Amino acid sequence: MTRPAAMPGRFTAGHLLRAPARFFVASLAFLSDLLLEGRKRVHPPPGLAPASGPEWTLHHGGARGARLLVWCSLAAAAALLAWAALSPIDEVVRGEGKVVPSRQVQIVQSLDGGVVKEILVQPGQAVEPGQILLKIDPTRFNSSLGENNAEYLSLLAKAARLRALATGQPFQAPEEVIAQLPVAVEAERNAWIQRTNELNATVSVAREQVKQRQEELRETQARRDQAATTCSLTSRELTVTRPLLKSGAVSEVDLLRLQRDVAKSCGEQKAAEAQIDRIEASIKEAMSKTEEAELNIRNQARSELSDTTTKLRTLSEGKLALADKVKLAEIRSPVRGTVKTLLANTVGGVVQPGKDIVEIVPTDDSLLLEVRVLPRDIGFLHAQQKAEVKFTAYDYAIYGGLEGVVEQIGADTITDERGNSFYIVRVRTARSSVGEKHLPIIPGMVAEVHILTGKRTVMQYLLKPILRAKENAFTER
């Protein structure tokens, strides 16, 4: 069976399909000739021939401008594509954060308690480390400290006196005692003089006794020598005279008289020698008593000095404790921060020992923010990633923000009262103030946090929806 031929002049579907194709091919050929102008002459495509020569000339002159426009458009498009393919932009995870204290709230207490004398801060006030918050009346502490100091200075003067007696040196009181408690110095000087005089008197008596004994010793030695000489002479005379008794030259009475004289003189010699021994013993005893008196005084001084030194050490420790109580009567801030609560707010009120007085929220040189991050973004986060913090209280366009780093990522999600789940990410900033004017940041302020997770090009960003659509296309049921 043969297909009937199309009748001339009849419009069919094939004509409808072929006409646009022919026109498109003809237009491409014309555009190619237009861009390649100068290499060959441009002829208008069929069906677009001008009606007359002047019209074609006008059309041919405007082709150069059109060509330049096309080239500029193509160059701009190429540059735009190159920029989109090569220019990186930050890829961030956004979250909403709140400033929290980087350390726990500091609770200031009074160790010893007392009566509130003066209150120097109010809730919400910023404080610096060491700043006085309030004062406790130190009267009773000052009184105890004064008594301790007076006793301490008195013992210092006493120790100086005892040291002088123990060493035999002149008395010299410490300069601080002379300056602060001259009465104690004078009393100890008089005691040292009295004790020294007593020692000197004892020594003087003992030395006088020794002197007397020594004089007696010399006299006795003289008598002994004289008795010894007499004893020797009379003994010789007796020896010579005894043979004469037989011849009758001397009588027996004379011989007896000579024997009596020998016995007497020799007896006196022996008696003198015995007395010399006793005198020498007494001299040694007197000299020993002198040394013993000096030694006893020095030993007694050393013993008292040891006890005094022990008391001084105890008083010194007590003095430090009392001075610390006086110092702690001024309640000072341990950290830089903001006064949260003032629990002792009545001048004249009594503060019990160990009770809380002030609560301070620390504000360090860096801030800590707790940022809520959606679970779909948590996989791109890790510690030490950089972040940018923009506080809602200060216009970012005017004051800027703060740089920070990710410090900690929560181990699990947290669900709020609305049923929304999120991770807590802790971000720490390098500064604690915003802008050149150092505007303060306090706990509780809200901020928008951008955590830098990487880089990508503009082209990748533009193609992302297309690639996502490609993955999901034609997969529905």
Protein backbone atom coordinates (compact mmCIF):
# COMPACT_ATOMS: atom_id res chain seq x y z
CA MET A 1 0.00 0.00 0.00
CA THR A 2 1.52 3.34 -0.99
CA ARG A 3 1.53 6.55 1.17
CA PRO A 4 -0.29 9.41 -0.64
CA ALA A 5 2.00 12.29 -1.62
CA ALA A 6 1.57 15.59 0.03
CA MET A 7 -0.25 18.07 -2.01
CA PRO A 8 1.64 21.23 -2.97
CA GLY A 9 0.77 24.17 -0.77
CA ARG A 10 -0.70 22.05 1.99
CA PHE A 11 0.62 22.78 5.59
CA THR A 12 1.55 19.58 7.46
CA ALA A 13 3.18 18.63 10.80
CA GLY A 14 6.51 18.05 9.08
CA HIS A 15 6.59 21.67 7.95
CA LEU A 16 5.93 22.77 11.53
CA LEU A 17 8.91 20.79 12.86
CA ARG A 18 11.34 21.62 10.10
CA ALA A 19 10.79 25.39 10.02
CA PRO A 20 12.27 26.26 13.47
CA ALA A 21 15.21 23.95 12.84
CA ARG A 22 16.02 25.65 9.59
CA PHE A 23 15.70 29.08 11.15
CA PHE A 24 17.98 28.10 14.08
CA VAL A 25 20.64 26.71 11.73
CA ALA A 26 20.49 29.81 9.61
CA SER A 27 20.76 32.07 12.67
CA LEU A 28 23.85 30.19 13.98
CA ALA A 29 25.48 30.53 10.59
CA PHE A 30 24.78 34.27 10.62
CA LEU A 31 26.16 34.68 14.16
CA SER A 32 29.29 32.75 13.20
CA ASP A 33 29.82 34.97 10.19
CA LEU A 34 29.24 38.02 12.38
CA LEU A 35 31.89 36.97 14.95
CA LEU A 36 34.34 36.06 12.20
CA GLU A 37 33.91 39.36 10.37
CA GLY A 38 37.18 40.30 8.67
CA ARG A 39 38.02 36.77 7.57
CA LYS A 40 35.19 36.53 5.05
CA ARG A 41 32.35 38.61 3.90
CA VAL A 42 29.15 38.30 5.74
CA HIS A 43 26.09 37.43 3.69
CA PRO A 44 22.71 37.64 5.20
CA PRO A 45 20.89 34.38 5.66
CA PRO A 46 18.18 33.39 3.25
CA GLY A 47 14.93 35.10 4.00
CA LEU A 48 16.75 37.99 5.78
CA ALA A 49 18.14 39.73 2.67
CA PRO A 50 17.61 43.49 2.73
CA ALA A 51 15.08 45.04 0.44
CA SER A 52 17.63 47.43 -1.03
CA GLY A 53 21.40 48.18 -1.00
CA PRO A 54 21.36 51.04 1.56
CA GLU A 55 19.50 48.91 4.07
CA TRP A 56 22.11 46.20 3.83
CA THR A 57 24.93 48.73 4.27
CA LEU A 58 23.32 50.11 7.40
CA HIS A 59 22.86 46.59 8.70
CA HIS A 60 26.46 45.65 7.86
CA GLY A 61 27.86 48.74 9.74
CA GLY A 62 26.01 47.86 12.98
CA ALA A 63 27.44 44.33 13.01
CA ARG A 64 30.73 45.50 14.48
CA GLY A 65 29.00 46.96 17.58
CA ALA A 66 26.96 43.81 17.98
CA ARG A 67 30.09 41.70 17.70
CA LEU A 68 31.83 43.78 20.39
CA LEU A 69 28.81 43.46 22.67
CA VAL A 70 28.74 39.70 22.23
CA TRP A 71 32.45 39.37 22.97
CA CYS A 72 32.13 41.53 26.12
CA SER A 73 29.18 39.47 27.28
CA LEU A 74 31.08 36.25 26.74
CA ALA A 75 34.14 37.62 28.60
CA ALA A 76 31.99 38.75 31.52
CA ALA A 77 30.28 35.38 31.67
CA ALA A 78 33.65 33.59 31.58
CA ALA A 79 35.05 35.83 34.33
CA LEU A 80 31.96 35.24 36.43
CA LEU A 81 32.24 31.50 35.98
CA ALA A 82 35.97 31.59 36.85
CA TRP A 83 35.29 33.65 39.99
CA ALA A 84 32.49 31.29 41.03
CA ALA A 85 34.71 28.26 40.50
CA LEU A 86 37.82 29.63 42.26
CA SER A 87 36.68 32.06 44.96
CA PRO A 88 36.30 30.36 48.38
CA ILE A 89 33.71 31.38 50.92
CA ASP A 90 33.36 30.33 54.56
CA GLU A 91 31.16 27.41 55.40
CA VAL A 92 29.75 27.87 58.90
CA VAL A 93 27.41 26.25 61.37
CA ARG A 94 25.11 28.75 63.02
CA GLY A 95 23.81 28.53 66.52
CA GLU A 96 22.33 30.67 69.25
CA GLY A 97 24.42 30.99 72.39
CA LYS A 98 24.29 32.54 75.83
CA VAL A 99 27.15 33.83 77.96
CA VAL A 100 27.68 31.71 81.06
CA PRO A 101 30.19 32.16 83.89
CA SER A 102 33.47 30.47 82.98
CA ARG A 103 33.85 29.59 86.65
CA GLN A 104 31.38 28.82 89.38
CA VAL A 105 29.77 31.66 91.29
CA GLN A 106 32.21 32.77 94.00
CA ILE A 107 30.72 32.87 97.50
CA VAL A 108 32.52 35.27 99.86
CA GLN A 109 32.32 34.47 103.57
CA SER A 110 33.50 35.99 106.85
CA LEU A 111 35.86 33.72 108.76
CA ASP A 112 35.46 35.37 112.18
CA GLY A 113 32.22 37.27 111.78
CA GLY A 114 31.40 40.48 113.60
CA VAL A 115 29.42 43.69 113.24
CA VAL A 116 29.04 45.19 109.76
CA LYS A 117 30.70 48.61 109.79
CA GLU A 118 30.42 49.71 106.16
CA ILE A 119 28.96 48.34 102.87
CA LEU A 120 30.81 49.46 99.74
CA VAL A 121 29.10 47.57 96.87
CA GLN A 122 25.63 46.91 95.53
CA PRO A 123 24.15 44.03 93.47
CA GLY A 124 25.04 44.33 89.79
CA GLN A 125 28.21 46.32 90.47
CA ALA A 126 31.43 45.26 88.74
CA VAL A 127 34.32 44.53 91.12
CA GLU A 128 38.04 43.92 90.70
CA PRO A 129 40.24 41.39 92.52
CA GLY A 130 41.14 42.70 95.98
CA GLN A 131 38.44 45.39 95.98
CA ILE A 132 36.85 45.94 99.40
CA LEU A 133 33.22 44.79 99.43
CA LEU A 134 32.34 45.61 103.04
CA LYS A 135 34.06 46.17 106.38
CA ILE A 136 33.61 44.36 109.68
CA ASP A 137 34.23 46.40 112.85
CA PRO A 138 37.82 45.44 113.87
CA THR A 139 37.78 47.00 117.37
CA ARG A 140 37.99 43.75 119.32
CA PHE A 141 40.64 42.40 116.96
CA ASN A 142 42.72 45.58 117.27
CA SER A 143 42.48 45.42 121.06
CA SER A 144 43.71 41.83 121.16
CA LEU A 145 46.43 42.66 118.67
CA GLY A 146 47.56 45.62 120.80
CA GLU A 147 47.79 43.49 123.93
CA ASN A 148 49.68 40.83 122.05
CA ASN A 149 52.08 43.38 120.60
CA ALA A 150 52.78 44.97 124.01
CA GLU A 151 53.53 41.58 125.56
CA TYR A 152 55.67 40.66 122.59
CA LEU A 153 57.75 43.83 122.88
CA SER A 154 58.16 43.32 126.64
CA LEU A 155 59.43 39.81 126.08
CA LEU A 156 61.82 41.10 123.42
CA ALA A 157 63.32 43.50 125.98
CA LYS A 158 63.48 40.72 128.56
CA ALA A 159 65.20 38.41 126.07
CA ALA A 160 67.78 41.13 125.38
CA ARG A 161 68.47 41.44 129.16
CA LEU A 162 68.78 37.69 129.63
CA ARG A 163 71.05 37.41 126.61
CA ALA A 164 73.31 40.09 128.04
CA LEU A 165 73.48 38.28 131.41
CA ALA A 166 74.14 34.93 129.74
CA THR A 167 77.00 36.23 127.62
CA GLY A 168 78.38 38.86 129.98
CA GLN A 169 77.81 41.57 127.37
CA PRO A 170 76.26 45.01 127.99
CA PHE A 171 72.50 45.32 127.73
CA GLN A 172 71.22 46.54 124.35
CA ALA A 173 67.48 46.59 123.63
CA PRO A 174 66.08 46.08 120.05
CA GLU A 175 65.31 49.24 118.10
CA GLU A 176 61.63 48.39 117.64
CA VAL A 177 61.18 48.03 121.42
CA ILE A 178 62.99 51.33 122.05
CA ALA A 179 60.72 53.04 119.53
CA GLN A 180 57.40 51.45 120.54
CA LEU A 181 57.73 50.56 124.24
CA PRO A 182 60.52 52.53 125.95
CA VAL A 183 59.03 51.82 129.40
CA ALA A 184 59.78 48.11 128.99
CA VAL A 185 63.32 48.95 127.89
CA GLU A 186 63.91 51.05 131.00
CA ALA A 187 62.49 48.36 133.30
CA GLU A 188 64.66 45.65 131.80
CA ARG A 189 67.73 47.90 131.91
CA ASN A 190 67.19 48.46 135.65
CA ALA A 191 66.71 44.72 136.18
CA TRP A 192 69.93 44.04 134.29
CA ILE A 193 71.80 46.62 136.40
CA GLN A 194 70.42 45.17 139.64
CA ARG A 195 71.30 41.61 138.67
CA THR A 196 74.75 42.66 137.52
CA ASN A 197 75.35 44.49 140.79
CA GLU A 198 74.31 41.43 142.75
CA LEU A 199 76.71 39.30 140.76
CA ASN A 200 79.49 41.83 141.18
CA ALA A 201 78.86 41.97 144.95
CA THR A 202 78.97 38.19 145.24
CA VAL A 203 82.13 38.03 143.19
CA SER A 204 83.66 40.90 145.14
CA VAL A 205 83.01 39.18 148.50
CA ALA A 206 84.42 35.94 147.22
CA ARG A 207 87.49 37.67 145.86
CA GLU A 208 88.01 39.48 149.20
CA GLN A 209 87.85 36.18 150.98
CA VAL A 210 90.38 34.74 148.57
CA LYS A 211 92.61 37.74 149.18
CA GLN A 212 92.41 37.29 152.95
CA ARG A 213 93.12 33.61 152.69
CA GLN A 214 96.05 34.29 150.46
CA GLU A 215 97.46 36.75 153.05
CA GLU A 216 96.92 34.20 155.79
CA LEU A 217 98.62 31.62 153.58
CA ARG A 218 101.69 33.80 153.22
CA GLU A 219 101.88 34.35 157.02
CA THR A 220 101.51 30.67 157.71
CA GLN A 221 104.14 29.84 155.12
CA ALA A 222 106.49 32.30 156.90
CA ARG A 223 105.83 30.66 160.26
CA ARG A 224 106.39 27.26 158.71
CA ASP A 225 109.69 28.36 157.26
CA GLN A 226 110.78 29.87 160.60
CA ALA A 227 109.68 26.78 162.49
CA ALA A 228 111.51 24.60 160.00
CA THR A 229 114.73 26.58 160.48
CA THR A 230 114.42 26.44 164.28
CA CYS A 231 113.65 22.74 164.10
CA SER A 232 116.72 22.14 161.97
CA LEU A 233 119.05 24.17 164.23
CA THR A 234 117.85 22.73 167.47
CA SER A 235 118.03 19.22 166.05
CA ARG A 236 121.65 19.79 165.10
CA GLU A 237 122.39 21.31 168.52
CA LEU A 238 120.81 18.29 170.18
CA THR A 239 122.86 15.96 168.04
CA VAL A 240 126.07 17.76 169.00
CA THR A 241 125.18 18.07 172.70
CA ARG A 242 124.04 14.45 173.36
CA PRO A 243 127.59 12.93 173.39
CA LEU A 244 128.71 15.55 175.94
CA LEU A 245 126.29 14.16 178.50
CA LYS A 246 128.59 11.15 179.13
CA SER A 247 131.58 13.37 179.74
CA GLY A 248 129.57 15.58 182.06
CA ALA A 249 130.12 18.66 179.97
CA VAL A 250 126.39 19.28 179.92
CA SER A 251 123.79 18.35 182.34
CA GLU A 252 120.83 16.13 181.65
CA VAL A 253 118.54 19.12 182.22
CA ASP A 254 120.16 21.02 179.42
CA LEU A 255 119.78 18.01 177.19
CA LEU A 256 116.10 17.76 178.03
CA ARG A 257 115.66 21.47 177.36
CA LEU A 258 117.18 21.04 173.91
CA GLN A 259 114.90 18.07 173.17
CA ARG A 260 111.90 20.17 174.22
CA ASP A 261 112.96 22.98 171.89
CA VAL A 262 113.43 20.53 168.99
CA ALA A 263 109.99 19.04 169.56
CA LYS A 264 108.41 22.45 169.82
CA SER A 265 109.97 23.91 166.71
CA CYS A 266 109.39 20.80 164.62
CA GLY A 267 105.81 20.62 165.88
CA GLU A 268 105.22 24.22 164.91
CA GLN A 269 106.58 23.40 161.45
CA LYS A 270 104.19 20.49 161.01
CA ALA A 271 101.28 22.52 162.34
CA ALA A 272 102.09 25.32 159.90
CA GLU A 273 102.24 22.87 157.01
CA ALA A 274 98.87 21.44 157.97
CA GLN A 275 97.39 24.95 158.23
CA ILE A 276 98.81 25.81 154.81
CA ASP A 277 96.94 22.87 153.32
CA ARG A 278 93.71 24.04 154.93
CA ILE A 279 94.22 27.63 153.73
CA GLU A 280 94.95 26.53 150.18
CA ALA A 281 91.79 24.42 150.23
CA SER A 282 89.74 27.36 151.47
CA ILE A 283 91.23 29.58 148.76
CA LYS A 284 90.24 27.07 146.11
CA GLU A 285 86.78 26.86 147.62
CA ALA A 286 86.39 30.66 147.60
CA MET A 287 87.55 30.86 144.00
CA SER A 288 85.18 28.04 143.07
CA LYS A 289 82.32 29.88 144.73
CA THR A 290 83.11 32.95 142.63
CA GLU A 291 83.03 30.95 139.42
CA GLU A 292 79.95 29.10 140.61
CA ALA A 293 78.14 32.35 141.33
CA GLU A 294 78.88 33.63 137.83
CA LEU A 295 77.97 30.29 136.29
CA ASN A 296 74.71 30.06 138.21
CA ILE A 297 73.63 33.50 137.10
CA ARG A 298 74.48 32.74 133.47
CA ASN A 299 72.79 29.33 133.54
CA GLN A 300 69.70 30.83 135.11
CA ALA A 301 69.71 33.55 132.43
CA ARG A 302 70.06 30.93 129.68
CA SER A 303 67.17 28.90 131.09
CA GLU A 304 64.92 31.96 131.34
CA LEU A 305 66.03 33.02 127.86
CA SER A 306 64.94 29.65 126.46
CA ASP A 307 61.50 29.97 128.06
CA THR A 308 61.22 33.55 126.87
CA THR A 309 62.15 32.56 123.32
CA THR A 310 59.41 29.92 123.33
CA LYS A 311 56.87 32.48 124.52
CA LEU A 312 58.06 34.92 121.87
CA ARG A 313 57.53 32.30 119.17
CA THR A 314 54.01 31.60 120.44
CA LEU A 315 53.20 35.31 120.62
CA SER A 316 54.59 35.84 117.14
CA GLU A 317 52.28 33.20 115.72
CA GLY A 318 49.40 34.65 117.67
CA LYS A 319 50.33 38.10 116.43
CA LEU A 320 50.14 36.91 112.82
CA ALA A 321 46.76 35.31 113.48
CA LEU A 322 45.40 38.49 115.09
CA ALA A 323 46.84 40.65 112.30
CA ASP A 324 45.16 38.33 109.80
CA LYS A 325 41.85 38.78 111.62
CA VAL A 326 42.23 42.54 111.41
CA LYS A 327 43.04 42.23 107.72
CA LEU A 328 40.11 39.89 107.09
CA ALA A 329 37.80 42.42 108.70
CA GLU A 330 37.93 44.06 105.26
CA ILE A 331 35.99 41.63 103.06
CA ARG A 332 37.60 41.73 99.60
CA SER A 333 36.64 40.29 96.23
CA PRO A 334 38.70 37.23 95.26
CA VAL A 335 38.04 37.61 91.52
CA ARG A 336 37.04 40.08 88.83
CA GLY A 337 33.31 39.85 88.40
CA THR A 338 29.85 41.22 89.07
CA VAL A 339 28.09 41.26 92.43
CA LYS A 340 25.15 38.88 92.13
CA THR A 341 23.73 38.85 95.66
CA LEU A 342 24.52 40.88 98.78
CA LEU A 343 23.46 38.81 101.77
CA ALA A 344 24.71 41.23 104.45
CA ASN A 345 22.94 44.48 103.58
CA THR A 346 22.48 46.17 106.98
CA VAL A 347 25.11 48.41 108.57
CA GLY A 348 25.38 47.39 112.22
CA GLY A 349 24.08 43.90 111.53
CA VAL A 350 25.87 40.89 112.95
CA VAL A 351 27.60 38.47 110.60
CA GLN A 352 28.07 34.97 111.98
CA PRO A 353 31.47 33.29 111.49
CA GLY A 354 31.62 31.25 108.30
CA LYS A 355 28.34 32.63 106.91
CA ASP A 356 27.90 33.73 103.27
CA ILE A 357 28.10 37.47 102.69
CA VAL A 358 28.41 38.16 98.95
CA GLU A 359 27.94 36.14 95.76
CA ILE A 360 30.08 37.19 92.78
CA VAL A 361 29.77 36.01 89.17
CA PRO A 362 33.33 35.85 87.77
CA THR A 363 34.15 37.68 84.52
CA ASP A 364 37.53 36.58 83.26
CA ASP A 365 39.54 37.98 80.38
CA SER A 366 37.74 35.42 78.21
CA LEU A 367 34.05 34.57 77.92
CA LEU A 368 32.37 31.19 77.75
CA LEU A 369 29.25 30.71 75.67
CA GLU A 370 26.90 27.74 75.57
CA VAL A 371 25.74 27.44 71.96
CA ARG A 372 22.77 25.37 70.79
CA VAL A 373 23.61 23.46 67.60
CA LEU A 374 21.13 21.31 65.64
CA PRO A 375 21.89 17.60 65.42
CA ARG A 376 22.20 17.78 61.62
CA ASP A 377 25.19 20.13 61.97
CA ILE A 378 27.04 18.49 64.85
CA GLY A 379 28.94 16.07 62.60
CA PHE A 380 31.00 18.93 61.15
CA LEU A 381 32.18 20.28 64.51
CA HIS A 382 35.27 19.44 66.53
CA ALA A 383 37.36 21.13 69.22
CA GLN A 384 39.60 24.12 68.43
CA GLN A 385 37.49 25.24 65.44
CA LYS A 386 37.35 29.00 65.03
CA ALA A 387 34.11 30.84 65.66
CA GLU A 388 32.72 34.35 65.34
CA VAL A 389 30.41 35.66 68.06
CA LYS A 390 27.89 38.43 67.37
CA PHE A 391 26.09 39.76 70.44
CA THR A 392 22.51 40.83 69.98
CA ALA A 393 22.94 43.61 72.54
CA TYR A 394 25.47 45.42 70.32
CA ASP A 395 24.99 46.15 66.63
CA TYR A 396 27.52 44.02 64.76
CA ALA A 397 27.82 46.55 61.93
CA ILE A 398 28.93 49.22 64.43
CA TYR A 399 30.73 47.41 67.23
CA GLY A 400 31.76 44.17 65.55
CA GLY A 401 31.99 40.83 67.33
CA LEU A 402 34.50 38.58 69.06
CA GLU A 403 36.65 35.74 67.83
CA GLY A 404 36.51 32.45 69.66
CA VAL A 405 37.28 28.74 69.50
CA VAL A 406 35.25 25.63 70.16
CA GLU A 407 36.26 24.31 73.57
CA GLN A 408 33.88 21.44 74.20
CA ILE A 409 31.09 19.58 72.39
CA GLY A 410 28.25 17.95 74.25
CA ALA A 411 28.20 14.15 74.33
CA ASP A 412 24.45 13.89 73.75
CA THR A 413 21.48 15.97 72.73
CA ILE A 414 19.34 17.96 75.11
CA THR A 415 15.62 18.44 74.65
CA ASP A 416 13.97 21.70 75.73
CA GLU A 417 10.42 22.22 76.95
CA ARG A 418 9.20 22.59 73.36
CA GLY A 419 10.57 19.21 72.34
CA ASN A 420 13.44 20.62 70.25
CA SER A 421 16.67 18.62 70.41
CA PHE A 422 20.09 20.22 70.17
CA TYR A 423 23.70 19.80 71.26
CA ILE A 424 25.44 22.14 73.70
CA VAL A 425 28.74 23.43 72.27
CA ARG A 426 30.99 25.54 74.48
CA VAL A 427 32.82 28.38 72.74
CA ARG A 428 35.46 30.50 74.52
CA THR A 429 36.32 33.99 73.29
CA ALA A 430 39.73 35.67 73.41
CA ARG A 431 38.35 38.90 74.90
CA SER A 432 35.66 39.87 77.37
CA SER A 433 34.59 43.18 75.84
CA VAL A 434 33.33 44.40 72.48
CA GLY A 435 34.59 47.23 70.29
CA GLU A 436 37.18 49.92 70.85
CA LYS A 437 35.20 51.26 73.80
CA HIS A 438 35.49 47.88 75.54
CA LEU A 439 31.76 47.46 76.01
CA PRO A 440 31.18 44.94 78.80
CA ILE A 441 29.80 41.45 78.32
CA ILE A 442 28.01 39.94 81.30
CA PRO A 443 26.57 36.46 81.88
CA GLY A 444 23.16 35.96 80.33
CA MET A 445 23.75 37.97 77.14
CA VAL A 446 22.56 36.26 73.95
CA ALA A 447 24.73 35.97 70.83
CA GLU A 448 24.63 34.49 67.36
CA VAL A 449 27.64 32.20 66.89
CA HIS A 450 29.10 31.21 63.52
CA ILE A 451 31.45 28.21 63.75
CA LEU A 452 33.77 27.88 60.76
CA THR A 453 33.65 24.29 59.48
CA GLY A 454 35.46 24.70 56.14
CA LYS A 455 35.67 26.45 52.77
CA ARG A 456 33.79 26.02 49.50
CA THR A 457 33.49 27.94 46.24
CA VAL A 458 30.55 29.95 45.02
CA MET A 459 30.04 27.40 42.23
CA GLN A 460 29.77 24.60 44.77
CA TYR A 461 27.25 26.65 46.71
CA LEU A 462 25.17 27.33 43.57
CA LEU A 463 25.30 23.72 42.40
CA LYS A 464 24.34 22.30 45.78
CA PRO A 465 20.52 22.58 45.23
CA ILE A 466 20.91 21.06 41.75
CA LEU A 467 22.98 18.14 43.07
CA ARG A 468 20.53 17.61 45.91
CA ALA A 469 17.63 17.63 43.43
CA LYS A 470 19.52 15.20 41.20
CA GLU A 471 19.92 12.76 44.09
CA ASN A 472 16.22 12.98 44.95
CA ALA A 473 14.81 13.16 41.41
CA PHE A 474 12.72 10.29 40.03
CA THR A 475 12.83 8.40 43.37
CA GLU A 476 9.30 9.11 44.60
CA ARG A 477 6.76 6.32 44.66
